[in-house]
Amino acid sequence: MTSKALFLLMPLLLACGRPSTAVLRQQPAPVLDLEVSLPEGPGQAELKRVYLSAFHERFGRGLTADASPSDPDRIHLIVMVGSRSSQSESEAKRDRTMDQLSSVATGSPFGLIHSAVGPKSNYEQQVDRLGYRPGVLTGQVMVLRTGKPSFQEYLRLEPLPIIKRMHPLGEDARNHGGIEAEEADAVARETLALLKEKLGWVPPNA
């Protein structure tokens, strides 16, 4: 399903209201039809394959690969990942320097102490833990069904929870491709955690 088709469906879906999603909590759990949407750009097709692989690895039998497009009862899992951004080490140092200059200019005792200690942001703390600079990712997860009962649920993907799910990488994997693969795996794990926590969906045993 294309992004354009999703937007065309949106008014219909919103008009349906928000009925019960008890079907998601059934056991065995219903399988989901996955669609991953990434920002357009060079390497998008390959990156999408990386994300699909990560999701299938984490969700196991919870995802279907052969759902019929005409089946109104299929349940869509649509993961929309926003543009990847990151803060370089030099940018982080610049921001800390600006904080120090601001504290001196304002003469704020708290600010001076705060700057002298040199506190690191949550992102910088994760950089120290990981040993590399991960991308900052945001996104949205949509679970919808157009059959009966119809429903749509929206979950937000936040940057820090995604980064906290990432693992340190060996030196040979600490490159652009290796980091993007780890980001994709973290997005898949965070999506699975949100589905379990917010909607009660637990994938069937592999």
Protein backbone atom coordinates (compact mmCIF):
# COMPACT_ATOMS: atom_id res chain seq x y z
CA MET A 1 0.00 0.00 0.00
CA THR A 2 1.47 3.35 -1.04
CA SER A 3 1.64 6.42 1.16
CA LYS A 4 -0.79 8.17 -1.21
CA ALA A 5 -3.30 5.35 -0.80
CA LEU A 6 -2.98 5.58 2.99
CA PHE A 7 -3.78 9.30 2.95
CA LEU A 8 -6.81 8.63 0.71
CA LEU A 9 -8.05 6.05 3.20
CA MET A 10 -7.59 8.32 6.21
CA PRO A 11 -10.95 10.20 6.07
CA LEU A 12 -12.83 6.91 5.82
CA LEU A 13 -10.90 5.42 8.71
CA LEU A 14 -11.39 8.44 10.95
CA ALA A 15 -15.11 8.45 10.21
CA CYS A 16 -15.34 4.91 11.57
CA GLY A 17 -14.63 6.13 15.09
CA ARG A 18 -12.50 4.06 17.47
CA PRO A 19 -14.18 0.69 18.11
CA SER A 20 -12.73 -2.02 20.30
CA THR A 21 -9.45 -3.62 19.28
CA ALA A 22 -10.14 -6.77 21.27
CA VAL A 23 -9.25 -8.80 18.20
CA LEU A 24 -5.60 -7.80 18.72
CA ARG A 25 -5.60 -9.35 22.18
CA GLN A 26 -6.94 -12.70 21.02
CA GLN A 27 -4.85 -15.83 21.39
CA PRO A 28 -3.49 -17.01 19.14
CA ALA A 29 -2.81 -13.46 18.08
CA PRO A 30 -3.78 -12.37 14.56
CA VAL A 31 -0.93 -11.97 12.12
CA LEU A 32 -0.20 -8.50 10.80
CA ASP A 33 0.42 -7.30 7.27
CA LEU A 34 3.53 -5.12 7.48
CA GLU A 35 4.24 -1.98 5.49
CA VAL A 36 7.32 0.15 6.20
CA SER A 37 7.48 3.72 4.92
CA LEU A 38 10.83 5.53 4.84
CA PRO A 39 11.79 8.99 3.58
CA GLU A 40 12.69 9.09 -0.08
CA GLY A 41 16.35 9.32 -0.95
CA PRO A 42 19.39 7.42 -2.22
CA GLY A 43 19.54 3.88 -0.91
CA GLN A 44 15.90 3.87 0.20
CA ALA A 45 15.12 0.50 -1.39
CA GLU A 46 18.07 -1.23 0.28
CA LEU A 47 17.33 0.42 3.63
CA LYS A 48 13.72 -0.72 3.39
CA ARG A 49 14.93 -4.30 2.93
CA VAL A 50 17.02 -3.87 6.08
CA TYR A 51 13.98 -2.69 8.03
CA LEU A 52 11.74 -5.46 6.70
CA SER A 53 14.35 -8.05 7.64
CA ALA A 54 14.64 -6.63 11.17
CA PHE A 55 10.87 -6.65 11.66
CA HIS A 56 10.47 -10.21 10.42
CA GLU A 57 13.33 -11.31 12.67
CA ARG A 58 11.76 -9.71 15.75
CA PHE A 59 8.08 -10.46 15.01
CA GLY A 60 8.56 -14.00 13.72
CA ARG A 61 5.24 -15.62 12.79
CA GLY A 62 3.42 -12.46 13.84
CA LEU A 63 3.83 -11.04 10.33
CA THR A 64 2.36 -12.41 7.13
CA ALA A 65 4.05 -12.28 3.77
CA ASP A 66 1.12 -13.44 1.64
CA ALA A 67 -1.95 -11.45 2.69
CA SER A 68 -4.43 -10.84 -0.09
CA PRO A 69 -4.77 -7.12 -0.93
CA SER A 70 -8.50 -7.61 -1.39
CA ASP A 71 -9.04 -9.21 2.05
CA PRO A 72 -10.90 -6.61 4.19
CA ASP A 73 -10.19 -8.55 7.37
CA ARG A 74 -6.43 -8.33 7.18
CA ILE A 75 -4.83 -6.13 9.83
CA HIS A 76 -2.26 -3.63 8.60
CA LEU A 77 0.80 -2.71 10.61
CA ILE A 78 2.14 0.48 9.02
CA VAL A 79 5.42 1.82 10.35
CA MET A 80 6.32 5.31 9.14
CA VAL A 81 9.87 6.35 10.01
CA GLY A 82 10.81 10.01 9.70
CA SER A 83 14.02 11.53 8.41
CA ARG A 84 17.19 10.40 10.13
CA SER A 85 19.16 13.15 11.82
CA SER A 86 22.22 13.12 14.03
CA GLN A 87 24.37 15.52 15.97
CA SER A 88 28.07 15.42 15.29
CA GLU A 89 30.59 15.58 18.12
CA SER A 90 31.62 19.08 17.02
CA GLU A 91 27.99 20.25 17.11
CA ALA A 92 27.59 18.83 20.62
CA LYS A 93 30.73 20.67 21.78
CA ARG A 94 29.47 23.86 20.15
CA ASP A 95 26.15 23.61 21.98
CA ARG A 96 27.92 23.10 25.31
CA THR A 97 30.16 26.11 24.59
CA MET A 98 27.13 28.26 23.79
CA ASP A 99 25.56 27.18 27.10
CA GLN A 100 28.72 28.25 28.93
CA LEU A 101 28.84 31.63 27.18
CA SER A 102 25.18 32.21 27.94
CA SER A 103 25.77 31.43 31.61
CA VAL A 104 28.67 33.89 31.78
CA ALA A 105 26.64 36.60 30.03
CA THR A 106 23.65 36.21 32.33
CA GLY A 107 25.70 35.67 35.47
CA SER A 108 23.41 32.86 36.54
CA PRO A 109 25.06 30.98 39.43
CA PHE A 110 23.10 27.85 38.59
CA GLY A 111 24.04 28.15 34.94
CA LEU A 112 27.72 28.61 35.75
CA ILE A 113 27.76 25.54 37.97
CA HIS A 114 25.75 23.60 35.41
CA SER A 115 28.21 24.51 32.63
CA ALA A 116 31.32 23.93 34.73
CA VAL A 117 30.22 20.38 35.47
CA GLY A 118 29.65 19.91 31.74
CA PRO A 119 26.49 17.80 31.85
CA LYS A 120 25.80 15.64 28.84
CA SER A 121 22.47 15.29 27.14
CA ASN A 122 20.64 11.97 27.14
CA TYR A 123 21.81 11.53 23.57
CA GLU A 124 25.47 12.10 24.48
CA GLN A 125 25.16 9.62 27.35
CA GLN A 126 23.92 7.02 24.89
CA VAL A 127 26.79 7.85 22.53
CA ASP A 128 29.19 7.07 25.37
CA ARG A 129 27.40 3.77 26.03
CA LEU A 130 27.24 2.70 22.40
CA GLY A 131 30.63 3.90 21.21
CA TYR A 132 29.14 5.50 18.07
CA ARG A 133 26.69 8.25 17.15
CA PRO A 134 23.27 6.78 16.25
CA GLY A 135 20.71 8.57 14.16
CA VAL A 136 17.86 10.40 15.86
CA LEU A 137 14.67 8.77 14.60
CA THR A 138 11.01 9.57 15.10
CA GLY A 139 8.00 7.95 13.55
CA GLN A 140 4.49 6.67 13.87
CA VAL A 141 2.96 3.21 13.99
CA MET A 142 -0.53 2.70 12.65
CA VAL A 143 -2.56 -0.48 13.16
CA LEU A 144 -5.74 -0.59 11.11
CA ARG A 145 -8.41 -2.87 9.79
CA THR A 146 -11.05 -1.87 7.26
CA GLY A 147 -13.21 -4.98 7.72
CA LYS A 148 -15.47 -5.74 10.67
CA PRO A 149 -14.75 -4.79 13.33
CA SER A 150 -12.88 -1.87 11.79
CA PHE A 151 -10.41 0.11 13.86
CA GLN A 152 -7.32 2.28 13.70
CA GLU A 153 -4.74 2.85 16.42
CA TYR A 154 -1.76 5.23 16.40
CA LEU A 155 1.43 4.89 18.40
CA ARG A 156 4.37 7.30 18.44
CA LEU A 157 7.97 6.25 18.00
CA GLU A 158 10.19 8.52 20.10
CA PRO A 159 13.96 8.97 19.59
CA LEU A 160 15.34 8.19 23.04
CA PRO A 161 13.50 4.88 23.62
CA ILE A 162 14.71 3.73 20.19
CA ILE A 163 18.33 4.68 20.94
CA LYS A 164 18.17 2.99 24.35
CA ARG A 165 17.29 -0.29 22.61
CA MET A 166 20.43 -0.14 20.47
CA HIS A 167 23.53 -2.18 21.26
CA PRO A 168 27.24 -1.35 21.11
CA LEU A 169 28.83 -2.55 17.88
CA GLY A 170 32.18 -4.11 17.16
CA GLU A 171 34.71 -2.02 15.31
CA ASP A 172 34.07 -3.85 12.03
CA ALA A 173 30.31 -3.07 12.22
CA ARG A 174 30.70 0.52 13.40
CA ASN A 175 30.04 1.96 9.96
CA HIS A 176 27.07 3.61 8.26
CA GLY A 177 25.49 0.33 7.13
CA GLY A 178 26.06 -1.39 10.45
CA ILE A 179 24.62 1.51 12.41
CA GLU A 180 21.54 1.74 10.17
CA ALA A 181 20.95 -2.01 10.61
CA GLU A 182 21.13 -1.58 14.39
CA GLU A 183 18.72 1.38 14.16
CA ALA A 184 16.26 -0.72 12.15
CA ASP A 185 16.44 -3.51 14.73
CA ALA A 186 15.84 -1.00 17.54
CA VAL A 187 12.80 0.44 15.72
CA ALA A 188 11.41 -3.08 15.31
CA ARG A 189 11.95 -3.86 19.00
CA GLU A 190 10.40 -0.58 20.12
CA THR A 191 7.38 -1.14 17.83
CA LEU A 192 6.89 -4.63 19.25
CA ALA A 193 7.13 -3.30 22.81
CA LEU A 194 4.52 -0.60 22.09
CA LEU A 195 2.13 -3.11 20.53
CA LYS A 196 2.40 -5.33 23.59
CA GLU A 197 2.10 -2.49 26.13
CA LYS A 198 -0.50 -0.28 24.45
CA LEU A 199 -2.64 -2.71 22.46
CA GLY A 200 -2.05 -6.08 24.11
CA TRP A 201 -0.85 -7.74 20.91
CA VAL A 202 1.64 -10.55 21.54
CA PRO A 203 3.06 -12.36 18.50
CA PRO A 204 2.51 -16.11 18.16
CA ASN A 205 5.35 -18.31 19.29
CA ALA A 206 7.90 -18.95 16.57
